[in-house]
N, C-alpha and C. Protein backbone atom coordinates (compact mmCIF):
# COMPACT_ATOMS: atom_id res chain seq x y z
N MET A 1 -10.74 18.01 30.62
CA MET A 1 -9.76 17.98 29.55
C MET A 1 -10.48 18.15 28.21
N SER A 2 -10.12 19.14 27.44
CA SER A 2 -10.77 19.36 26.16
C SER A 2 -10.11 18.50 25.08
N THR A 3 -10.92 18.05 24.17
CA THR A 3 -10.41 17.23 23.09
C THR A 3 -9.71 18.09 22.04
N ARG A 4 -8.69 17.55 21.44
CA ARG A 4 -7.95 18.27 20.40
C ARG A 4 -8.22 17.66 19.04
N ARG A 5 -9.15 16.67 18.99
CA ARG A 5 -9.44 15.98 17.75
C ARG A 5 -10.95 15.75 17.66
N ILE A 6 -11.50 15.95 16.48
CA ILE A 6 -12.92 15.67 16.29
C ILE A 6 -13.09 14.78 15.07
N THR A 7 -14.17 14.01 15.08
CA THR A 7 -14.49 13.16 13.95
C THR A 7 -15.98 13.26 13.65
N GLN A 8 -16.33 12.86 12.45
CA GLN A 8 -17.73 12.82 12.04
C GLN A 8 -17.90 11.61 11.14
N ASP A 9 -18.69 10.64 11.59
CA ASP A 9 -19.03 9.51 10.73
C ASP A 9 -19.95 10.00 9.63
N LEU A 10 -19.72 9.52 8.42
CA LEU A 10 -20.52 9.91 7.27
C LEU A 10 -20.99 8.68 6.51
N THR A 11 -22.13 8.81 5.90
CA THR A 11 -22.53 7.88 4.87
C THR A 11 -22.48 8.66 3.57
N LEU A 12 -21.72 8.15 2.62
CA LEU A 12 -21.59 8.79 1.31
C LEU A 12 -22.27 7.91 0.28
N TRP A 13 -22.70 8.55 -0.80
CA TRP A 13 -23.32 7.82 -1.89
C TRP A 13 -22.57 8.15 -3.17
N ALA A 14 -22.12 7.11 -3.85
CA ALA A 14 -21.43 7.31 -5.12
C ALA A 14 -22.45 7.81 -6.14
N ALA A 15 -22.06 8.82 -6.91
CA ALA A 15 -22.98 9.41 -7.89
C ALA A 15 -23.46 8.37 -8.89
N ASP A 16 -22.60 7.43 -9.24
CA ASP A 16 -22.98 6.43 -10.23
C ASP A 16 -23.58 5.17 -9.61
N ARG A 17 -23.60 5.07 -8.27
CA ARG A 17 -24.18 3.92 -7.58
C ARG A 17 -24.85 4.36 -6.28
N PRO A 18 -25.89 5.20 -6.35
CA PRO A 18 -26.51 5.69 -5.12
C PRO A 18 -27.18 4.61 -4.28
N ASP A 19 -27.33 3.40 -4.84
CA ASP A 19 -27.92 2.30 -4.10
C ASP A 19 -26.90 1.58 -3.20
N CYS A 20 -25.63 1.99 -3.29
CA CYS A 20 -24.57 1.36 -2.49
C CYS A 20 -23.89 2.40 -1.61
N PRO A 21 -24.43 2.62 -0.39
CA PRO A 21 -23.80 3.62 0.49
C PRO A 21 -22.39 3.21 0.90
N LEU A 22 -21.58 4.22 1.15
CA LEU A 22 -20.18 4.03 1.55
C LEU A 22 -19.97 4.64 2.94
N ALA A 23 -19.28 3.94 3.81
CA ALA A 23 -18.96 4.46 5.14
C ALA A 23 -17.68 5.28 5.05
N ALA A 24 -17.69 6.43 5.72
CA ALA A 24 -16.51 7.30 5.73
C ALA A 24 -16.46 8.06 7.04
N VAL A 25 -15.30 8.65 7.32
CA VAL A 25 -15.11 9.45 8.53
C VAL A 25 -14.35 10.72 8.15
N LEU A 26 -14.88 11.86 8.55
CA LEU A 26 -14.13 13.11 8.48
C LEU A 26 -13.43 13.28 9.81
N SER A 27 -12.17 13.73 9.80
CA SER A 27 -11.47 13.97 11.06
C SER A 27 -10.64 15.24 10.96
N TYR A 28 -10.49 15.86 12.12
CA TYR A 28 -9.69 17.09 12.24
C TYR A 28 -8.91 17.00 13.53
N ASP A 29 -7.63 17.32 13.46
CA ASP A 29 -6.76 17.29 14.62
C ASP A 29 -6.12 18.67 14.76
N ALA A 30 -6.27 19.28 15.91
CA ALA A 30 -5.72 20.62 16.15
C ALA A 30 -4.21 20.65 16.02
N ALA A 31 -3.56 19.49 16.10
CA ALA A 31 -2.10 19.43 15.93
C ALA A 31 -1.71 19.70 14.47
N ASP A 32 -2.64 19.49 13.55
CA ASP A 32 -2.44 19.80 12.13
C ASP A 32 -3.59 20.73 11.74
N PRO A 33 -3.55 21.99 12.18
CA PRO A 33 -4.72 22.86 12.20
C PRO A 33 -5.26 23.31 10.84
N CYS A 34 -4.54 23.08 9.78
CA CYS A 34 -5.00 23.55 8.47
C CYS A 34 -5.59 22.44 7.62
N ALA A 35 -5.64 21.22 8.14
CA ALA A 35 -6.02 20.08 7.30
C ALA A 35 -7.16 19.27 7.91
N VAL A 36 -7.93 18.65 7.03
CA VAL A 36 -8.92 17.65 7.42
C VAL A 36 -8.60 16.36 6.66
N ARG A 37 -9.15 15.27 7.16
CA ARG A 37 -8.99 13.97 6.50
C ARG A 37 -10.37 13.40 6.21
N LEU A 38 -10.50 12.82 5.05
CA LEU A 38 -11.69 12.06 4.69
C LEU A 38 -11.22 10.64 4.44
N ALA A 39 -11.65 9.72 5.29
CA ALA A 39 -11.23 8.32 5.17
C ALA A 39 -12.43 7.44 4.86
N PHE A 40 -12.30 6.63 3.84
CA PHE A 40 -13.30 5.62 3.55
C PHE A 40 -13.01 4.44 4.46
N VAL A 41 -14.06 3.84 5.00
CA VAL A 41 -13.91 2.80 6.00
C VAL A 41 -14.63 1.53 5.53
N GLN A 42 -13.94 0.42 5.71
CA GLN A 42 -14.54 -0.88 5.46
C GLN A 42 -14.29 -1.71 6.69
N GLY A 43 -15.37 -2.11 7.36
CA GLY A 43 -15.22 -2.77 8.65
C GLY A 43 -14.68 -1.77 9.65
N HIS A 44 -13.52 -2.07 10.22
CA HIS A 44 -12.88 -1.13 11.16
C HIS A 44 -11.57 -0.60 10.59
N ARG A 45 -11.43 -0.69 9.28
CA ARG A 45 -10.17 -0.33 8.65
C ARG A 45 -10.37 0.80 7.65
N GLU A 46 -9.49 1.80 7.71
CA GLU A 46 -9.50 2.86 6.70
C GLU A 46 -8.89 2.31 5.42
N THR A 47 -9.60 2.47 4.32
CA THR A 47 -9.10 1.91 3.06
C THR A 47 -8.45 2.96 2.17
N VAL A 48 -9.07 4.12 2.06
CA VAL A 48 -8.54 5.21 1.24
C VAL A 48 -8.70 6.49 2.05
N VAL A 49 -7.63 7.30 2.08
CA VAL A 49 -7.66 8.54 2.87
C VAL A 49 -7.26 9.71 1.98
N TYR A 50 -8.05 10.76 2.06
CA TYR A 50 -7.73 12.02 1.38
C TYR A 50 -7.48 13.07 2.45
N GLY A 51 -6.42 13.84 2.29
CA GLY A 51 -6.15 14.97 3.16
C GLY A 51 -6.26 16.24 2.32
N PHE A 52 -6.89 17.26 2.90
CA PHE A 52 -7.03 18.51 2.16
C PHE A 52 -7.27 19.66 3.14
N ALA A 53 -7.21 20.88 2.63
CA ALA A 53 -7.33 22.08 3.46
C ALA A 53 -8.71 22.17 4.10
N ARG A 54 -8.72 22.51 5.37
CA ARG A 54 -10.01 22.63 6.06
C ARG A 54 -10.86 23.74 5.46
N ASP A 55 -10.23 24.80 4.96
CA ASP A 55 -10.99 25.90 4.35
C ASP A 55 -11.71 25.44 3.09
N LEU A 56 -11.15 24.47 2.38
CA LEU A 56 -11.80 23.95 1.19
C LEU A 56 -13.14 23.34 1.56
N LEU A 57 -13.19 22.59 2.64
CA LEU A 57 -14.43 21.97 3.09
C LEU A 57 -15.45 23.04 3.49
N ALA A 58 -15.00 24.03 4.25
CA ALA A 58 -15.90 25.11 4.68
C ALA A 58 -16.39 25.93 3.49
N ASP A 59 -15.49 26.26 2.58
CA ASP A 59 -15.88 27.04 1.40
C ASP A 59 -16.84 26.27 0.51
N GLY A 60 -16.67 24.95 0.45
CA GLY A 60 -17.53 24.12 -0.38
C GLY A 60 -18.98 24.09 0.07
N LEU A 61 -19.26 24.52 1.30
CA LEU A 61 -20.64 24.63 1.75
C LEU A 61 -21.38 25.75 1.05
N HIS A 62 -20.64 26.74 0.54
CA HIS A 62 -21.25 27.93 -0.05
C HIS A 62 -21.13 28.00 -1.56
N GLY A 63 -20.21 27.27 -2.12
CA GLY A 63 -20.02 27.26 -3.56
C GLY A 63 -18.89 26.32 -3.90
N PRO A 64 -18.70 26.03 -5.18
CA PRO A 64 -17.63 25.11 -5.55
C PRO A 64 -16.27 25.60 -5.04
N ALA A 65 -15.50 24.67 -4.46
CA ALA A 65 -14.19 25.02 -3.92
C ALA A 65 -13.23 23.87 -4.19
N GLY A 66 -11.99 24.23 -4.44
CA GLY A 66 -10.95 23.24 -4.64
C GLY A 66 -10.62 23.05 -6.10
N GLN A 67 -9.61 22.27 -6.29
CA GLN A 67 -9.18 21.91 -7.63
C GLN A 67 -8.29 20.69 -7.51
N CYS A 68 -8.02 20.05 -8.59
CA CYS A 68 -7.15 18.86 -8.61
C CYS A 68 -7.76 17.69 -7.87
N ASP A 69 -7.20 17.30 -6.71
CA ASP A 69 -7.57 16.06 -6.03
C ASP A 69 -8.94 16.08 -5.36
N VAL A 70 -9.34 17.21 -4.80
CA VAL A 70 -10.60 17.29 -4.07
C VAL A 70 -11.33 18.57 -4.46
N ILE A 71 -12.60 18.40 -4.83
CA ILE A 71 -13.47 19.55 -5.12
C ILE A 71 -14.77 19.32 -4.36
N VAL A 72 -15.22 20.35 -3.64
CA VAL A 72 -16.43 20.25 -2.83
C VAL A 72 -17.36 21.39 -3.23
N GLY A 73 -18.64 21.09 -3.32
CA GLY A 73 -19.61 22.13 -3.64
C GLY A 73 -21.02 21.69 -3.31
N PRO A 74 -21.94 22.63 -3.24
CA PRO A 74 -23.33 22.30 -2.93
C PRO A 74 -23.97 21.49 -4.07
N HIS A 75 -24.85 20.58 -3.70
CA HIS A 75 -25.65 19.83 -4.66
C HIS A 75 -26.82 20.71 -5.07
N GLU A 76 -27.35 20.50 -6.24
CA GLU A 76 -28.44 21.34 -6.74
C GLU A 76 -29.68 21.28 -5.85
N TYR A 77 -29.89 20.20 -5.09
CA TYR A 77 -31.07 20.10 -4.23
C TYR A 77 -30.88 20.72 -2.86
N GLY A 78 -29.64 21.05 -2.49
CA GLY A 78 -29.38 21.76 -1.25
C GLY A 78 -29.19 20.91 -0.01
N THR A 79 -29.68 19.68 0.01
CA THR A 79 -29.55 18.85 1.21
C THR A 79 -28.24 18.07 1.22
N HIS A 80 -27.53 18.08 0.13
CA HIS A 80 -26.29 17.32 -0.01
C HIS A 80 -25.16 18.19 -0.52
N LEU A 81 -23.95 17.70 -0.34
CA LEU A 81 -22.77 18.29 -0.96
C LEU A 81 -22.24 17.30 -1.98
N VAL A 82 -21.62 17.82 -3.01
CA VAL A 82 -20.97 17.01 -4.01
C VAL A 82 -19.47 17.05 -3.72
N VAL A 83 -18.86 15.89 -3.64
CA VAL A 83 -17.42 15.80 -3.39
C VAL A 83 -16.81 15.00 -4.54
N ALA A 84 -15.98 15.68 -5.32
CA ALA A 84 -15.29 15.02 -6.43
C ALA A 84 -13.87 14.69 -5.97
N LEU A 85 -13.50 13.44 -6.12
CA LEU A 85 -12.20 12.95 -5.65
C LEU A 85 -11.42 12.36 -6.81
N ARG A 86 -10.16 12.70 -6.88
CA ARG A 86 -9.29 12.16 -7.91
C ARG A 86 -8.14 11.42 -7.23
N PRO A 87 -8.22 10.10 -7.23
CA PRO A 87 -7.14 9.33 -6.59
C PRO A 87 -5.84 9.43 -7.39
N GLU A 88 -4.74 9.16 -6.70
CA GLU A 88 -3.44 9.20 -7.36
C GLU A 88 -3.40 8.19 -8.51
N TYR A 89 -3.98 7.03 -8.26
CA TYR A 89 -4.07 6.00 -9.29
C TYR A 89 -5.54 5.64 -9.47
N GLY A 90 -5.98 5.51 -10.67
CA GLY A 90 -7.36 5.14 -10.91
C GLY A 90 -8.15 6.30 -11.49
N TYR A 91 -9.45 6.15 -11.44
CA TYR A 91 -10.35 7.11 -12.06
C TYR A 91 -10.98 8.04 -11.03
N PRO A 92 -11.24 9.28 -11.42
CA PRO A 92 -11.94 10.19 -10.51
C PRO A 92 -13.36 9.68 -10.25
N PHE A 93 -13.88 10.01 -9.09
CA PHE A 93 -15.25 9.64 -8.78
C PHE A 93 -15.90 10.72 -7.93
N VAL A 94 -17.22 10.70 -7.92
CA VAL A 94 -18.00 11.72 -7.22
C VAL A 94 -18.89 11.02 -6.20
N VAL A 95 -18.92 11.60 -4.99
CA VAL A 95 -19.80 11.10 -3.93
C VAL A 95 -20.65 12.27 -3.42
N TYR A 96 -21.78 11.90 -2.81
CA TYR A 96 -22.65 12.88 -2.18
C TYR A 96 -22.60 12.67 -0.67
N ALA A 97 -22.57 13.78 0.07
CA ALA A 97 -22.57 13.75 1.53
C ALA A 97 -23.74 14.59 2.03
N LEU A 98 -24.29 14.23 3.18
CA LEU A 98 -25.36 15.05 3.76
C LEU A 98 -24.78 16.38 4.24
N ARG A 99 -25.35 17.43 3.77
CA ARG A 99 -24.88 18.79 4.09
C ARG A 99 -24.88 19.04 5.60
N ASP A 100 -25.95 18.62 6.30
CA ASP A 100 -26.05 18.88 7.74
C ASP A 100 -24.89 18.26 8.51
N GLN A 101 -24.48 17.06 8.13
CA GLN A 101 -23.37 16.40 8.83
C GLN A 101 -22.07 17.16 8.61
N VAL A 102 -21.84 17.62 7.40
CA VAL A 102 -20.61 18.36 7.10
C VAL A 102 -20.63 19.72 7.79
N GLU A 103 -21.78 20.39 7.78
CA GLU A 103 -21.89 21.69 8.47
C GLU A 103 -21.60 21.54 9.96
N ASP A 104 -22.13 20.49 10.58
CA ASP A 104 -21.87 20.24 12.00
C ASP A 104 -20.38 20.04 12.24
N PHE A 105 -19.75 19.25 11.39
CA PHE A 105 -18.31 19.01 11.52
C PHE A 105 -17.52 20.31 11.39
N VAL A 106 -17.85 21.12 10.38
CA VAL A 106 -17.15 22.39 10.17
C VAL A 106 -17.34 23.32 11.36
N ASP A 107 -18.55 23.39 11.90
CA ASP A 107 -18.81 24.23 13.08
C ASP A 107 -17.95 23.78 14.26
N ARG A 108 -17.90 22.49 14.52
CA ARG A 108 -17.09 21.97 15.64
C ARG A 108 -15.61 22.21 15.40
N MET A 109 -15.19 22.08 14.14
CA MET A 109 -13.79 22.30 13.79
C MET A 109 -13.38 23.75 14.08
N TYR A 110 -14.23 24.71 13.69
CA TYR A 110 -13.90 26.11 13.91
C TYR A 110 -14.09 26.54 15.36
N ARG A 111 -14.87 25.80 16.13
CA ARG A 111 -14.93 26.08 17.58
C ARG A 111 -13.64 25.59 18.25
N LEU A 112 -13.10 24.48 17.77
CA LEU A 112 -11.86 23.94 18.32
C LEU A 112 -10.67 24.85 17.99
N VAL A 113 -10.56 25.25 16.73
CA VAL A 113 -9.51 26.17 16.29
C VAL A 113 -10.17 27.21 15.39
N PRO A 114 -10.46 28.40 15.93
CA PRO A 114 -11.14 29.42 15.15
C PRO A 114 -10.32 29.85 13.92
N MET A 115 -11.05 30.32 12.91
CA MET A 115 -10.40 30.81 11.70
C MET A 115 -9.41 31.91 12.06
N GLY A 116 -8.22 31.82 11.52
CA GLY A 116 -7.18 32.80 11.78
C GLY A 116 -6.31 32.47 12.99
N CYS A 117 -6.69 31.44 13.74
CA CYS A 117 -5.93 31.06 14.94
C CYS A 117 -5.12 29.79 14.73
N GLU A 118 -4.98 29.36 13.49
CA GLU A 118 -4.20 28.16 13.20
C GLU A 118 -2.74 28.44 13.53
N ARG A 119 -2.17 27.61 14.34
CA ARG A 119 -0.76 27.74 14.69
C ARG A 119 -0.09 26.39 14.44
N VAL A 120 1.03 26.43 13.76
CA VAL A 120 1.77 25.21 13.46
C VAL A 120 3.10 25.28 14.19
N ASP A 121 3.42 24.23 14.94
CA ASP A 121 4.71 24.12 15.61
C ASP A 121 5.71 23.65 14.55
N VAL A 122 6.39 24.60 13.93
CA VAL A 122 7.29 24.31 12.81
C VAL A 122 8.42 23.39 13.25
N ASP A 123 8.99 23.59 14.43
CA ASP A 123 10.08 22.73 14.90
C ASP A 123 9.62 21.28 15.03
N ALA A 124 8.43 21.08 15.60
CA ALA A 124 7.91 19.71 15.75
C ALA A 124 7.62 19.10 14.38
N TRP A 125 7.10 19.90 13.47
CA TRP A 125 6.79 19.43 12.12
C TRP A 125 8.08 18.99 11.41
N ILE A 126 9.12 19.79 11.48
CA ILE A 126 10.40 19.45 10.84
C ILE A 126 10.98 18.19 11.49
N GLU A 127 10.92 18.11 12.81
CA GLU A 127 11.42 16.93 13.51
C GLU A 127 10.67 15.67 13.07
N ARG A 128 9.35 15.78 12.92
CA ARG A 128 8.56 14.63 12.48
C ARG A 128 8.94 14.21 11.07
N ILE A 129 9.09 15.18 10.17
CA ILE A 129 9.45 14.88 8.77
C ILE A 129 10.84 14.24 8.72
N LEU A 130 11.80 14.80 9.45
CA LEU A 130 13.13 14.24 9.45
C LEU A 130 13.15 12.83 10.06
N GLY A 131 12.32 12.60 11.06
CA GLY A 131 12.21 11.28 11.65
C GLY A 131 11.65 10.26 10.66
N GLU A 132 10.69 10.69 9.83
CA GLU A 132 10.13 9.79 8.81
C GLU A 132 11.15 9.49 7.74
N VAL A 133 11.96 10.46 7.38
CA VAL A 133 12.98 10.28 6.35
C VAL A 133 14.08 9.33 6.85
N ALA A 134 14.44 9.47 8.14
CA ALA A 134 15.51 8.67 8.71
C ALA A 134 15.10 7.20 8.91
N SER A 135 13.82 6.95 9.05
CA SER A 135 13.41 5.56 9.31
C SER A 135 13.12 4.76 8.07
C-alpha cells in the first residue's frame, strides 16, 4: 500500500534568535495536491500552522518566491532557506530551514504527485466545505 501523505520534521532557527531552535513539520497530502503545511510543534501539539502552495516551496529553492503570508528563498550561504511568515495577528518573522531537508521533502512530494498531475475531486471538496458550514 503506497502512502498518500508525507511529512518532514524540521528544525528551524528564528533569524533574530538563532540560539533557540524551533521544531516544525512540513506535510503534504495527495488529497489536497496543490498545498503544503508548515506546522510549528511544541511537545506533541501543533501550535501554529501555515498552508501554502506547494509550487511556492519548490520555487523558493531556486529564488525568492511568494508574497503576503509566506515567502521562501535561498539564504546567501546556500545551505539554508529563508522563510518569511506573516501571521494573521502579530508581527512577521523570519526563520531559516536546512535546504537539504526541504529539497528532500520537495523531491518526495513530486514523486507522490508529479508536477502537472494534480487532480482535485471538486465534488468531495464542495461536500467537505458545505459540511463545515453546516456544523
